[in-house]
Protein backbone atom coordinates (compact mmCIF):
# COMPACT_ATOMS: atom_id res chain seq x y z
CA MET A 1 14.56 91.25 -198.81
CA THR A 2 12.12 94.17 -199.11
CA PRO A 3 10.03 92.63 -201.96
CA LEU A 4 9.78 89.37 -199.98
CA LEU A 5 8.64 91.24 -196.86
CA LYS A 6 6.00 93.01 -198.99
CA LEU A 7 4.82 89.60 -200.23
CA SER A 8 4.74 88.38 -196.61
CA GLY A 9 2.64 91.41 -195.63
CA LEU A 10 0.22 90.73 -198.49
CA ILE A 11 -0.22 87.09 -197.42
CA ASP A 12 -0.71 88.22 -193.80
CA ARG A 13 -3.42 90.71 -194.79
CA PHE A 14 -5.19 87.99 -196.81
CA ASN A 15 -5.24 85.68 -193.77
CA GLU A 16 -6.38 88.54 -191.52
CA PHE A 17 -9.33 88.95 -193.90
CA LEU A 18 -10.05 85.20 -193.74
CA GLY A 19 -9.86 85.35 -189.93
CA LYS A 20 -12.63 87.97 -189.90
CA LEU A 21 -14.68 85.95 -192.41
CA ILE A 22 -14.39 82.85 -190.23
CA MET A 23 -16.04 84.69 -187.32
CA TRP A 24 -19.15 85.02 -189.50
CA LEU A 25 -18.99 81.33 -190.44
CA VAL A 26 -18.98 80.43 -186.74
CA LEU A 27 -21.98 82.70 -186.15
CA ALA A 28 -23.83 81.18 -189.13
CA ALA A 29 -23.16 77.66 -187.82
CA VAL A 30 -24.49 78.57 -184.37
CA VAL A 31 -27.63 80.24 -185.78
CA ILE A 32 -28.38 77.33 -188.15
CA SER A 33 -27.79 74.79 -185.38
CA THR A 34 -30.08 76.68 -182.99
CA VAL A 35 -32.90 77.19 -185.50
CA ASN A 36 -32.65 73.57 -186.64
CA ALA A 37 -32.86 72.32 -183.02
CA ILE A 38 -35.87 74.54 -182.26
CA ILE A 39 -37.74 73.44 -185.41
CA ARG A 40 -36.93 69.79 -184.74
CA LYS A 41 -38.19 69.95 -181.14
CA ALA A 42 -41.17 72.26 -181.72
CA PHE A 43 -42.48 70.89 -185.04
CA ASP A 44 -40.81 67.47 -185.26
CA MET A 45 -39.31 68.50 -188.62
CA SER A 46 -35.72 68.37 -189.81
CA SER A 47 -33.57 67.77 -192.86
CA ASN A 48 -30.15 66.26 -193.42
CA ALA A 49 -29.35 69.35 -195.50
CA TRP A 50 -29.37 71.53 -192.35
CA LEU A 51 -27.04 69.13 -190.55
CA GLU A 52 -24.70 69.02 -193.53
CA ILE A 53 -24.65 72.83 -193.83
CA GLN A 54 -23.37 72.93 -190.24
CA TRP A 55 -20.72 70.35 -191.16
CA TYR A 56 -19.70 72.43 -194.22
CA LEU A 57 -19.44 75.58 -192.10
CA PHE A 58 -17.29 73.87 -189.46
CA ALA A 59 -15.08 72.47 -192.23
CA GLY A 60 -14.77 76.02 -193.60
CA VAL A 61 -13.79 77.36 -190.18
CA PHE A 62 -11.02 74.82 -189.71
CA MET A 63 -9.67 74.64 -193.26
CA LEU A 64 -9.82 78.38 -194.03
CA GLY A 65 -8.59 79.30 -190.55
CA VAL A 66 -5.39 77.27 -190.54
CA GLY A 67 -3.33 80.09 -192.07
CA TYR A 68 -4.79 82.61 -189.61
CA VAL A 69 -3.74 80.39 -186.68
CA LEU A 70 -0.17 80.23 -188.03
CA LEU A 71 -0.17 84.00 -188.60
CA LYS A 72 -1.19 84.62 -184.98
CA ASN A 73 1.44 82.17 -183.74
CA ALA A 74 -1.39 80.30 -181.98
CA HIS A 75 -0.54 76.84 -183.30
CA VAL A 76 0.42 74.02 -180.97
CA ARG A 77 3.83 74.44 -179.39
CA ILE A 78 5.33 73.81 -175.98
CA ASP A 79 5.14 77.38 -174.68
CA PHE A 80 6.77 76.50 -171.36
CA ILE A 81 9.92 75.44 -173.23
CA ALA A 82 9.68 78.02 -176.03
CA SER A 83 9.41 80.86 -173.51
CA ARG A 84 12.78 79.85 -172.02
CA LEU A 85 14.55 79.95 -175.39
CA SER A 86 15.86 83.09 -177.07
CA LYS A 87 13.96 84.64 -179.98
CA ARG A 88 16.83 83.63 -182.26
CA THR A 89 16.69 79.97 -181.16
CA ASN A 90 12.89 79.90 -181.56
CA ALA A 91 13.24 81.49 -185.01
CA ILE A 92 15.75 78.83 -186.07
CA ILE A 93 13.48 76.02 -184.79
CA ASP A 94 10.52 77.56 -186.64
CA LEU A 95 12.62 77.96 -189.80
CA ILE A 96 13.59 74.28 -189.77
CA GLY A 97 10.00 73.20 -189.04
CA LEU A 98 8.60 75.34 -191.86
CA ILE A 99 11.15 74.12 -194.43
CA ILE A 100 11.13 70.43 -193.51
CA PHE A 101 7.55 69.83 -192.34
CA THR A 102 4.89 72.55 -192.72
CA ILE A 103 5.34 73.77 -196.29
CA PRO A 104 6.22 70.39 -197.91
CA LEU A 105 3.38 68.60 -196.09
CA ALA A 106 0.87 71.30 -197.07
CA LEU A 107 1.94 71.08 -200.74
CA ILE A 108 1.76 67.27 -200.73
CA LEU A 109 -1.77 67.42 -199.29
CA VAL A 110 -2.84 69.97 -201.92
CA ASP A 111 -1.53 67.60 -204.60
CA LEU A 112 -3.26 64.56 -203.09
CA SER A 113 -6.61 66.25 -202.40
CA TRP A 114 -7.04 68.13 -205.70
CA PRO A 115 -7.96 64.97 -207.70
CA LEU A 116 -10.61 64.13 -205.07
CA PHE A 117 -12.18 67.55 -205.66
CA THR A 118 -12.05 67.29 -209.47
CA ARG A 119 -13.67 63.83 -209.41
CA ALA A 120 -16.43 65.06 -207.08
CA PHE A 121 -16.98 68.18 -209.21
CA GLU A 122 -17.07 66.34 -212.54
CA SER A 123 -19.38 63.61 -211.25
CA GLY A 124 -21.64 66.01 -209.33
CA GLU A 125 -21.16 63.81 -206.26
CA MET A 126 -24.03 64.11 -203.79
CA SER A 127 -24.32 63.16 -200.14
CA ALA A 128 -25.51 59.60 -199.56
CA ASN A 129 -27.95 60.91 -196.93
CA ALA A 130 -31.55 61.61 -197.94
CA GLY A 131 -31.95 65.33 -198.62
CA GLY A 132 -28.17 65.78 -198.44
CA LEU A 133 -26.09 68.37 -200.28
CA ILE A 134 -23.70 68.33 -203.20
CA ARG A 135 -20.23 67.36 -201.98
CA TRP A 136 -17.67 69.20 -204.14
CA PRO A 137 -17.78 72.54 -202.25
CA VAL A 138 -16.71 70.95 -198.97
CA ILE A 139 -14.11 68.74 -200.68
CA LEU A 140 -12.67 71.87 -202.32
CA LEU A 141 -11.97 73.24 -198.84
CA VAL A 142 -9.24 70.60 -198.35
CA PRO A 143 -6.83 71.67 -201.13
CA VAL A 144 -7.72 75.34 -200.61
CA GLY A 145 -7.06 75.09 -196.86
CA PHE A 146 -3.67 73.45 -197.33
CA ALA A 147 -2.75 75.97 -200.05
CA ILE A 148 -3.55 78.74 -197.56
CA LEU A 149 -1.36 76.99 -194.98
CA ALA A 150 1.51 76.73 -197.49
CA LEU A 151 1.16 80.44 -198.32
CA GLN A 152 1.19 81.47 -194.66
CA GLY A 153 4.10 79.10 -194.10
CA LEU A 154 5.99 80.99 -196.83
CA SER A 155 5.14 84.29 -195.14
CA GLU A 156 6.39 83.00 -191.79
CA LEU A 157 9.54 81.65 -193.44
CA ILE A 158 10.24 85.10 -194.92
CA LYS A 159 9.74 86.73 -191.49
CA ARG A 160 12.08 84.27 -189.74
CA VAL A 161 14.81 84.73 -192.37
CA ALA A 162 14.38 88.52 -192.21
CA PHE A 163 14.72 88.41 -188.42
CA LEU A 164 17.80 86.17 -188.51
CA THR A 165 19.49 88.37 -191.13
CA GLY A 166 18.72 91.60 -189.26
CA HIS A 167 16.04 92.93 -191.65
CA ARG A 168 13.25 92.68 -189.07
CA LYS A 169 13.07 93.29 -185.32
CA GLU A 170 10.63 90.46 -184.52
CA PRO A 171 10.54 86.90 -185.90
CA PHE A 172 6.73 86.81 -186.11
CA SER A 173 3.72 89.10 -186.28
CA VAL A 174 3.59 91.04 -183.03
CA GLU A 175 0.33 91.16 -181.11
CA GLU A 176 -0.46 93.73 -178.45
CA GLY A 177 0.28 92.20 -175.07
CA GLN A 178 0.84 88.54 -174.28
CA SER A 179 -1.37 85.68 -175.42
CA ASP A 180 -3.16 83.58 -172.79
CA GLU A 181 -0.65 80.79 -173.37
CA GLU A 182 2.29 83.17 -172.88
CA LYS A 183 0.75 84.52 -169.67
CA LEU A 184 0.23 80.98 -168.36
CA ALA A 185 3.80 80.01 -169.29
CA ALA A 186 5.10 83.12 -167.48
CA GLU A 187 3.01 82.33 -164.39
CA LEU A 188 4.23 78.71 -164.33
CA ALA A 189 7.83 79.85 -164.73
CA ALA A 190 7.40 82.35 -161.87
CA GLU A 191 5.86 79.67 -159.61
CA ALA A 192 8.68 77.24 -160.41
CA GLU A 193 11.25 79.94 -159.68
CA ALA A 194 9.53 80.79 -156.37
CA LYS A 195 9.51 77.12 -155.32
CA LEU A 196 13.14 76.82 -156.25
CA GLN A 197 14.01 79.90 -154.18
CA GLY A 198 11.95 78.55 -151.25
CA ALA A 199 13.77 75.22 -151.35
CA ARG A 200 17.17 76.90 -150.98
């Protein structure tokens, strides 16, 4: 199990790096959007290229950030229910979801999207908009993003198996303190408990 946990740690560090990179992509998108709006309003000048750069950056944020979201356990789940289940039960549910849905779906989407990228790259596909950009870099984000998701899914699978077999204390990467969602779920559970006590 130790070599697999080392592999999991390596994948986690890679997605931590991408998470930090994405912060800069968000900043770049905001700066470009702001400058473009100012130039358009002040000088009545603009270009589709600036709009498409923003689109590329947002695509980069979402496609490169999908593994980081899974690493931080910030993906969509019903926290109110999950918080009432044991760590072991949550780990088993995650394990089933990763094996049946997340990893296979990510690999299927890599397989389906790769030919789209190769066709765009080989043809030098350009945007249909006047002054638009070359398309293959943004299309490449699709298979790369889903490959990153599959890799992080593998890392999470390793962590869940390690937890269930007693090789790890926690089923997922531990963050300092509770997330906002966990705090909200705890507050809602406390309110429900208080109402229940008051009704008795």
